[in-house]
């Protein structure tokens, strides 16, 4: 496959999914919207991935390219039916692009925290072979507050109702992160907005705490990420 990847921070790349794509022979092309790179034509791409970032979906005056990005996502998912995978901000952008709404979280989620599959999520394809409850890296202060028409909630948590959703047969998104690598926390801590949120949530040694929490579950993260990646490839073939 040729996968188009929209990035919003250089440090927030596909993470552990990069190795999986490389081993399978899939090609991925990154567009760094935060650096002023332009959206390409969708022709020639087989799928669209939209990753996380420190901005919020409603900050269109500060980041005017968000307007075009939402239109682009709508075209890819609704008009072309391209397979889609959204992570964190990419989850929220999918919701907004399809008519849902996002807002500030009442309780930001920062840490390695539990996620619970819904009945739909546990019986579907994307989370096949994952436990009904698992832990994942959370690092967000905004959330999907209303899903778009036709979307289904696949996972939830006590502080975030929509942890994962699907729209149609081939568009999936998650608020949490499984694509964690040994240097993820260190890299993301260098993003000012993330560092500030981390300090507010966990204190001055928050980066150290979170890095250790991820290290303790790295093998588990790798296995679940690989499973979700394989499952997503199955859905993309529909």
C-alpha atoms as a PDB file:
ATOM      1  CA  UNK A   1       0.000   0.000   0.000  1.00  0.00           C
ATOM      2  CA  UNK A   2       0.931   3.641  -0.424  1.00  0.00           C
ATOM      3  CA  UNK A   3      -0.105   5.422   2.754  1.00  0.00           C
ATOM      4  CA  UNK A   4      -0.327   9.192   3.089  1.00  0.00           C
ATOM      5  CA  UNK A   5       0.540  10.310   6.625  1.00  0.00           C
ATOM      6  CA  UNK A   6      -0.433  13.776   7.866  1.00  0.00           C
ATOM      7  CA  UNK A   7       1.806  14.949  10.715  1.00  0.00           C
ATOM      8  CA  UNK A   8       1.402  17.934  13.003  1.00  0.00           C
ATOM      9  CA  UNK A   9       4.707  17.679  14.904  1.00  0.00           C
ATOM     10  CA  UNK A  10       7.996  16.198  13.737  1.00  0.00           C
ATOM     11  CA  UNK A  11       8.287  14.213  16.964  1.00  0.00           C
ATOM     12  CA  UNK A  12       4.839  12.664  16.576  1.00  0.00           C
ATOM     13  CA  UNK A  13       5.383  10.202  13.748  1.00  0.00           C
ATOM     14  CA  UNK A  14       3.894   6.706  13.238  1.00  0.00           C
ATOM     15  CA  UNK A  15       6.145   5.336  15.977  1.00  0.00           C
ATOM     16  CA  UNK A  16       6.357   1.567  16.149  1.00  0.00           C
ATOM     17  CA  UNK A  17       4.075   1.263  13.118  1.00  0.00           C
ATOM     18  CA  UNK A  18       7.043   2.380  10.975  1.00  0.00           C
ATOM     19  CA  UNK A  19       8.856  -0.906  11.480  1.00  0.00           C
ATOM     20  CA  UNK A  20       5.717  -2.892  10.681  1.00  0.00           C
ATOM     21  CA  UNK A  21       5.096  -0.982   7.457  1.00  0.00           C
ATOM     22  CA  UNK A  22       8.718  -1.380   6.436  1.00  0.00           C
ATOM     23  CA  UNK A  23       8.712  -5.123   7.082  1.00  0.00           C
ATOM     24  CA  UNK A  24       5.505  -5.525   5.055  1.00  0.00           C
ATOM     25  CA  UNK A  25       6.788  -3.470   2.158  1.00  0.00           C
ATOM     26  CA  UNK A  26       4.216  -0.685   2.502  1.00  0.00           C
ATOM     27  CA  UNK A  27       5.311   2.828   1.543  1.00  0.00           C
ATOM     28  CA  UNK A  28       4.351   5.884   3.552  1.00  0.00           C
ATOM     29  CA  UNK A  29       4.718   9.534   2.693  1.00  0.00           C
ATOM     30  CA  UNK A  30       4.651  12.137   5.462  1.00  0.00           C
ATOM     31  CA  UNK A  31       3.276  15.639   4.974  1.00  0.00           C
ATOM     32  CA  UNK A  32       4.258  18.049   7.777  1.00  0.00           C
ATOM     33  CA  UNK A  33       1.352  20.460   7.889  1.00  0.00           C
ATOM     34  CA  UNK A  34       2.798  22.360  10.854  1.00  0.00           C
ATOM     35  CA  UNK A  35       5.864  23.144   8.751  1.00  0.00           C
ATOM     36  CA  UNK A  36       3.834  24.614   5.906  1.00  0.00           C
ATOM     37  CA  UNK A  37       3.909  21.631   3.568  1.00  0.00           C
ATOM     38  CA  UNK A  38       0.931  21.422   1.226  1.00  0.00           C
ATOM     39  CA  UNK A  39      -1.598  18.644   0.992  1.00  0.00           C
ATOM     40  CA  UNK A  40      -0.981  16.495  -2.098  1.00  0.00           C
ATOM     41  CA  UNK A  41      -3.528  15.061  -4.483  1.00  0.00           C
ATOM     42  CA  UNK A  42      -5.099  11.871  -3.153  1.00  0.00           C
ATOM     43  CA  UNK A  43      -4.546  10.122  -6.467  1.00  0.00           C
ATOM     44  CA  UNK A  44      -1.995   7.362  -6.075  1.00  0.00           C
ATOM     45  CA  UNK A  45      -2.529   6.845  -2.343  1.00  0.00           C
ATOM     46  CA  UNK A  46      -4.281   3.779  -0.960  1.00  0.00           C
ATOM     47  CA  UNK A  47      -4.942   5.018   2.587  1.00  0.00           C
ATOM     48  CA  UNK A  48      -4.767   8.051   4.855  1.00  0.00           C
ATOM     49  CA  UNK A  49      -3.316   8.212   8.359  1.00  0.00           C
ATOM     50  CA  UNK A  50      -3.673  11.369  10.458  1.00  0.00           C
ATOM     51  CA  UNK A  51      -1.488  11.610  13.554  1.00  0.00           C
ATOM     52  CA  UNK A  52      -1.450  13.599  16.779  1.00  0.00           C
ATOM     53  CA  UNK A  53      -0.249  17.102  17.509  1.00  0.00           C
ATOM     54  CA  UNK A  54      -0.221  19.845  20.151  1.00  0.00           C
ATOM     55  CA  UNK A  55      -2.856  22.034  18.497  1.00  0.00           C
ATOM     56  CA  UNK A  56      -6.631  21.721  18.951  1.00  0.00           C
ATOM     57  CA  UNK A  57      -9.099  21.118  16.131  1.00  0.00           C
ATOM     58  CA  UNK A  58     -10.850  24.443  16.742  1.00  0.00           C
ATOM     59  CA  UNK A  59      -7.690  26.593  16.527  1.00  0.00           C
ATOM     60  CA  UNK A  60      -8.303  27.453  12.896  1.00  0.00           C
ATOM     61  CA  UNK A  61      -7.262  31.103  13.232  1.00  0.00           C
ATOM     62  CA  UNK A  62      -3.895  30.131  14.679  1.00  0.00           C
ATOM     63  CA  UNK A  63      -3.458  27.149  12.354  1.00  0.00           C
ATOM     64  CA  UNK A  64      -5.460  28.010   9.209  1.00  0.00           C
ATOM     65  CA  UNK A  65      -4.380  24.811   7.455  1.00  0.00           C
ATOM     66  CA  UNK A  66      -6.742  22.924   9.802  1.00  0.00           C
ATOM     67  CA  UNK A  67      -9.658  24.113   7.651  1.00  0.00           C
ATOM     68  CA  UNK A  68      -8.219  22.567   4.511  1.00  0.00           C
ATOM     69  CA  UNK A  69      -7.161  19.444   6.392  1.00  0.00           C
ATOM     70  CA  UNK A  70     -10.720  18.740   7.570  1.00  0.00           C
ATOM     71  CA  UNK A  71     -12.025  19.153   4.024  1.00  0.00           C
ATOM     72  CA  UNK A  72      -9.260  16.852   2.811  1.00  0.00           C
ATOM     73  CA  UNK A  73     -10.184  14.180   5.375  1.00  0.00           C
ATOM     74  CA  UNK A  74     -13.849  14.411   4.377  1.00  0.00           C
ATOM     75  CA  UNK A  75     -12.937  13.958   0.736  1.00  0.00           C
ATOM     76  CA  UNK A  76     -10.709  10.985   1.485  1.00  0.00           C
ATOM     77  CA  UNK A  77     -13.125   9.157   3.788  1.00  0.00           C
ATOM     78  CA  UNK A  78     -16.578  10.085   2.491  1.00  0.00           C
ATOM     79  CA  UNK A  79     -16.075  10.810  -1.184  1.00  0.00           C
ATOM     80  CA  UNK A  80     -13.309   8.327  -1.972  1.00  0.00           C
ATOM     81  CA  UNK A  81     -13.811   5.713   0.715  1.00  0.00           C
ATOM     82  CA  UNK A  82     -10.092   5.508   1.492  1.00  0.00           C
ATOM     83  CA  UNK A  83      -9.058   3.437   4.514  1.00  0.00           C
ATOM     84  CA  UNK A  84      -8.342   5.819   7.393  1.00  0.00           C
ATOM     85  CA  UNK A  85      -6.496   5.586  10.686  1.00  0.00           C
ATOM     86  CA  UNK A  86      -6.526   8.532  13.083  1.00  0.00           C
ATOM     87  CA  UNK A  87      -4.437   8.800  16.243  1.00  0.00           C
ATOM     88  CA  UNK A  88      -5.184  11.333  19.010  1.00  0.00           C
ATOM     89  CA  UNK A  89      -5.620  14.623  17.106  1.00  0.00           C
ATOM     90  CA  UNK A  90      -6.323  12.505  14.024  1.00  0.00           C
ATOM     91  CA  UNK A  91      -9.207  10.924  15.949  1.00  0.00           C
ATOM     92  CA  UNK A  92     -10.666  14.328  16.756  1.00  0.00           C
ATOM     93  CA  UNK A  93     -10.132  15.618  13.220  1.00  0.00           C
ATOM     94  CA  UNK A  94     -12.054  12.682  11.777  1.00  0.00           C
ATOM     95  CA  UNK A  95     -14.977  13.474  14.070  1.00  0.00           C
ATOM     96  CA  UNK A  96     -14.979  17.169  13.105  1.00  0.00           C
ATOM     97  CA  UNK A  97     -14.511  16.480   9.394  1.00  0.00           C
ATOM     98  CA  UNK A  98     -17.595  14.255   9.367  1.00  0.00           C
ATOM     99  CA  UNK A  99     -19.831  16.592  11.366  1.00  0.00           C
ATOM    100  CA  UNK A 100     -19.066  15.712  14.995  1.00  0.00           C
ATOM    101  CA  UNK A 101     -17.788  18.082  17.660  1.00  0.00           C
ATOM    102  CA  UNK A 102     -14.771  18.236  19.957  1.00  0.00           C
ATOM    103  CA  UNK A 103     -14.033  20.269  23.059  1.00  0.00           C
ATOM    104  CA  UNK A 104     -11.850  20.680  26.108  1.00  0.00           C
ATOM    105  CA  UNK A 105     -11.770  17.614  28.363  1.00  0.00           C
ATOM    106  CA  UNK A 106     -13.310  18.035  31.793  1.00  0.00           C
ATOM    107  CA  UNK A 107     -10.514  15.809  33.051  1.00  0.00           C
ATOM    108  CA  UNK A 108      -7.383  15.658  30.852  1.00  0.00           C
ATOM    109  CA  UNK A 109      -5.887  12.191  30.517  1.00  0.00           C
ATOM    110  CA  UNK A 110      -2.106  12.151  30.957  1.00  0.00           C
ATOM    111  CA  UNK A 111      -0.452   8.847  31.775  1.00  0.00           C
ATOM    112  CA  UNK A 112      -0.728   5.126  31.142  1.00  0.00           C
ATOM    113  CA  UNK A 113      -4.430   4.652  31.778  1.00  0.00           C
ATOM    114  CA  UNK A 114      -7.139   2.016  31.229  1.00  0.00           C
ATOM    115  CA  UNK A 115      -9.284   1.766  28.106  1.00  0.00           C
ATOM    116  CA  UNK A 116     -12.451  -0.331  27.977  1.00  0.00           C
ATOM    117  CA  UNK A 117     -13.838  -1.760  24.740  1.00  0.00           C
ATOM    118  CA  UNK A 118     -17.539  -1.297  24.120  1.00  0.00           C
ATOM    119  CA  UNK A 119     -19.724  -4.178  22.990  1.00  0.00           C
ATOM    120  CA  UNK A 120     -19.334  -2.988  19.408  1.00  0.00           C
ATOM    121  CA  UNK A 121     -15.579  -2.650  19.805  1.00  0.00           C
ATOM    122  CA  UNK A 122     -15.085  -6.069  21.346  1.00  0.00           C
ATOM    123  CA  UNK A 123     -17.072  -7.776  18.589  1.00  0.00           C
ATOM    124  CA  UNK A 124     -15.520  -5.884  15.674  1.00  0.00           C
ATOM    125  CA  UNK A 125     -12.378  -6.358  13.624  1.00  0.00           C
ATOM    126  CA  UNK A 126     -10.051  -3.523  14.626  1.00  0.00           C
ATOM    127  CA  UNK A 127      -9.559  -4.662  18.244  1.00  0.00           C
ATOM    128  CA  UNK A 128      -9.749  -8.379  17.552  1.00  0.00           C
ATOM    129  CA  UNK A 129      -7.457 -10.337  19.915  1.00  0.00           C
ATOM    130  CA  UNK A 130      -7.073  -7.410  22.330  1.00  0.00           C
ATOM    131  CA  UNK A 131      -8.414  -7.752  25.885  1.00  0.00           C
ATOM    132  CA  UNK A 132     -11.689  -6.007  26.697  1.00  0.00           C
ATOM    133  CA  UNK A 133      -9.719  -3.734  29.026  1.00  0.00           C
ATOM    134  CA  UNK A 134      -6.127  -2.677  28.471  1.00  0.00           C
ATOM    135  CA  UNK A 135      -3.765   0.161  29.336  1.00  0.00           C
ATOM    136  CA  UNK A 136      -2.555   2.728  26.808  1.00  0.00           C
ATOM    137  CA  UNK A 137      -0.579   5.949  26.725  1.00  0.00           C
ATOM    138  CA  UNK A 138      -2.879   8.962  27.044  1.00  0.00           C
ATOM    139  CA  UNK A 139      -1.679  12.532  26.503  1.00  0.00           C
ATOM    140  CA  UNK A 140      -4.640  14.744  25.655  1.00  0.00           C
ATOM    141  CA  UNK A 141      -6.651  17.626  27.057  1.00  0.00           C
ATOM    142  CA  UNK A 142      -9.356  17.648  24.362  1.00  0.00           C
ATOM    143  CA  UNK A 143     -11.800  14.980  23.264  1.00  0.00           C
ATOM    144  CA  UNK A 144     -14.586  14.007  20.907  1.00  0.00           C
ATOM    145  CA  UNK A 145     -17.750  15.220  22.608  1.00  0.00           C
ATOM    146  CA  UNK A 146     -20.234  14.265  19.911  1.00  0.00           C
ATOM    147  CA  UNK A 147     -19.562  11.638  17.277  1.00  0.00           C
ATOM    148  CA  UNK A 148     -20.633  12.313  13.690  1.00  0.00           C
ATOM    149  CA  UNK A 149     -23.807  10.719  12.383  1.00  0.00           C
ATOM    150  CA  UNK A 150     -23.214   7.084  11.485  1.00  0.00           C
ATOM    151  CA  UNK A 151     -20.158   6.663  13.726  1.00  0.00           C
ATOM    152  CA  UNK A 152     -19.924   3.957  16.375  1.00  0.00           C
ATOM    153  CA  UNK A 153     -17.999   4.118  19.645  1.00  0.00           C
ATOM    154  CA  UNK A 154     -15.547   1.237  19.977  1.00  0.00           C
ATOM    155  CA  UNK A 155     -13.838   2.063  23.279  1.00  0.00           C
ATOM    156  CA  UNK A 156     -14.300   4.326  26.284  1.00  0.00           C
ATOM    157  CA  UNK A 157     -12.729   5.309  29.602  1.00  0.00           C
ATOM    158  CA  UNK A 158     -13.975   6.944  32.820  1.00  0.00           C
ATOM    159  CA  UNK A 159     -12.769  10.395  31.742  1.00  0.00           C
ATOM    160  CA  UNK A 160     -13.241  10.177  27.963  1.00  0.00           C
ATOM    161  CA  UNK A 161     -16.425   8.693  26.543  1.00  0.00           C
ATOM    162  CA  UNK A 162     -15.153   8.220  22.980  1.00  0.00           C
ATOM    163  CA  UNK A 163     -11.748   6.565  23.106  1.00  0.00           C
ATOM    164  CA  UNK A 164     -12.149   4.941  19.699  1.00  0.00           C
ATOM    165  CA  UNK A 165     -14.669   5.071  16.904  1.00  0.00           C
ATOM    166  CA  UNK A 166     -15.372   3.864  13.402  1.00  0.00           C
ATOM    167  CA  UNK A 167     -17.293   5.369  10.519  1.00  0.00           C
ATOM    168  CA  UNK A 168     -18.282   3.183   7.621  1.00  0.00           C
ATOM    169  CA  UNK A 169     -16.341   0.008   6.892  1.00  0.00           C
ATOM    170  CA  UNK A 170     -12.818   1.466   6.620  1.00  0.00           C
ATOM    171  CA  UNK A 171     -12.381   4.576   8.800  1.00  0.00           C
ATOM    172  CA  UNK A 172     -11.036   4.043  12.337  1.00  0.00           C
ATOM    173  CA  UNK A 173      -9.615   6.352  14.969  1.00  0.00           C
ATOM    174  CA  UNK A 174      -8.341   6.186  18.531  1.00  0.00           C
ATOM    175  CA  UNK A 175      -7.716   8.824  21.186  1.00  0.00           C
ATOM    176  CA  UNK A 176      -4.963   6.820  22.880  1.00  0.00           C
ATOM    177  CA  UNK A 177      -1.519   5.659  21.768  1.00  0.00           C
ATOM    178  CA  UNK A 178      -0.194   2.131  21.309  1.00  0.00           C
ATOM    179  CA  UNK A 179       2.572   3.054  18.838  1.00  0.00           C
ATOM    180  CA  UNK A 180       4.905   3.819  21.735  1.00  0.00           C
ATOM    181  CA  UNK A 181       8.673   3.415  21.379  1.00  0.00           C
ATOM    182  CA  UNK A 182      11.431   3.660  24.015  1.00  0.00           C
ATOM    183  CA  UNK A 183      12.094   7.321  23.143  1.00  0.00           C
ATOM    184  CA  UNK A 184       8.467   8.452  22.719  1.00  0.00           C
ATOM    185  CA  UNK A 185       8.054  10.150  26.099  1.00  0.00           C
ATOM    186  CA  UNK A 186      11.427  11.895  25.852  1.00  0.00           C
ATOM    187  CA  UNK A 187      10.632  13.177  22.363  1.00  0.00           C
ATOM    188  CA  UNK A 188       7.103  14.339  23.133  1.00  0.00           C
ATOM    189  CA  UNK A 189       8.254  16.011  26.358  1.00  0.00           C
ATOM    190  CA  UNK A 190      10.178  18.395  24.144  1.00  0.00           C
ATOM    191  CA  UNK A 191       6.924  19.806  22.752  1.00  0.00           C
ATOM    192  CA  UNK A 192       6.068  22.781  25.007  1.00  0.00           C
ATOM    193  CA  UNK A 193       2.331  22.156  25.112  1.00  0.00           C
ATOM    194  CA  UNK A 194       2.852  18.503  26.017  1.00  0.00           C
ATOM    195  CA  UNK A 195       5.473  19.336  28.637  1.00  0.00           C
ATOM    196  CA  UNK A 196       3.127  21.833  30.277  1.00  0.00           C
ATOM    197  CA  UNK A 197       0.247  19.349  30.371  1.00  0.00           C
ATOM    198  CA  UNK A 198       2.547  16.672  31.762  1.00  0.00           C
ATOM    199  CA  UNK A 199       3.755  18.929  34.573  1.00  0.00           C
ATOM    200  CA  UNK A 200       0.207  19.940  35.484  1.00  0.00           C
ATOM    201  CA  UNK A 201      -0.893  16.318  35.641  1.00  0.00           C
ATOM    202  CA  UNK A 202       2.094  14.554  37.195  1.00  0.00           C
ATOM    203  CA  UNK A 203       4.334  17.243  38.648  1.00  0.00           C
ATOM    204  CA  UNK A 204       7.905  18.255  37.952  1.00  0.00           C
ATOM    205  CA  UNK A 205       9.146  14.695  37.468  1.00  0.00           C
ATOM    206  CA  UNK A 206       6.198  13.788  35.240  1.00  0.00           C
ATOM    207  CA  UNK A 207       8.382  12.873  32.279  1.00  0.00           C
ATOM    208  CA  UNK A 208      10.357  10.428  34.396  1.00  0.00           C
ATOM    209  CA  UNK A 209       7.186   8.872  35.810  1.00  0.00           C
ATOM    210  CA  UNK A 210       5.561   8.509  32.412  1.00  0.00           C
ATOM    211  CA  UNK A 211       8.705   7.161  30.779  1.00  0.00           C
ATOM    212  CA  UNK A 212       8.942   4.447  33.425  1.00  0.00           C
ATOM    213  CA  UNK A 213       5.243   3.605  33.131  1.00  0.00           C
ATOM    214  CA  UNK A 214       5.662   3.131  29.378  1.00  0.00           C
ATOM    215  CA  UNK A 215       8.871   1.140  29.791  1.00  0.00           C
ATOM    216  CA  UNK A 216       7.063  -1.240  32.146  1.00  0.00           C
ATOM    217  CA  UNK A 217       4.482  -1.989  29.442  1.00  0.00           C
ATOM    218  CA  UNK A 218       6.595  -1.658  26.293  1.00  0.00           C
ATOM    219  CA  UNK A 219       6.289  -5.317  25.328  1.00  0.00           C
ATOM    220  CA  UNK A 220       2.529  -5.158  25.839  1.00  0.00           C
ATOM    221  CA  UNK A 221       2.277  -1.967  23.764  1.00  0.00           C
ATOM    222  CA  UNK A 222       4.261  -3.550  20.933  1.00  0.00           C
ATOM    223  CA  UNK A 223       2.039  -6.627  20.809  1.00  0.00           C
ATOM    224  CA  UNK A 224      -1.188  -4.623  20.850  1.00  0.00           C
ATOM    225  CA  UNK A 225       0.084  -2.143  18.256  1.00  0.00           C
ATOM    226  CA  UNK A 226       1.011  -4.978  15.915  1.00  0.00           C
ATOM    227  CA  UNK A 227      -2.395  -6.567  16.388  1.00  0.00           C
ATOM    228  CA  UNK A 228      -4.248  -3.309  15.688  1.00  0.00           C
ATOM    229  CA  UNK A 229      -2.035  -2.704  12.651  1.00  0.00           C
ATOM    230  CA  UNK A 230      -2.816  -6.166  11.248  1.00  0.00           C
ATOM    231  CA  UNK A 231      -6.503  -5.724  11.985  1.00  0.00           C
ATOM    232  CA  UNK A 232      -6.547  -2.323  10.298  1.00  0.00           C
ATOM    233  CA  UNK A 233      -4.971  -3.829   7.186  1.00  0.00           C
ATOM    234  CA  UNK A 234      -7.817  -6.368   7.135  1.00  0.00           C
ATOM    235  CA  UNK A 235     -10.429  -3.620   7.307  1.00  0.00           C
ATOM    236  CA  UNK A 236      -8.697  -1.705   4.535  1.00  0.00           C
ATOM    237  CA  UNK A 237      -9.197  -4.639   2.199  1.00  0.00           C
ATOM    238  CA  UNK A 238     -12.977  -4.469   2.522  1.00  0.00           C
END
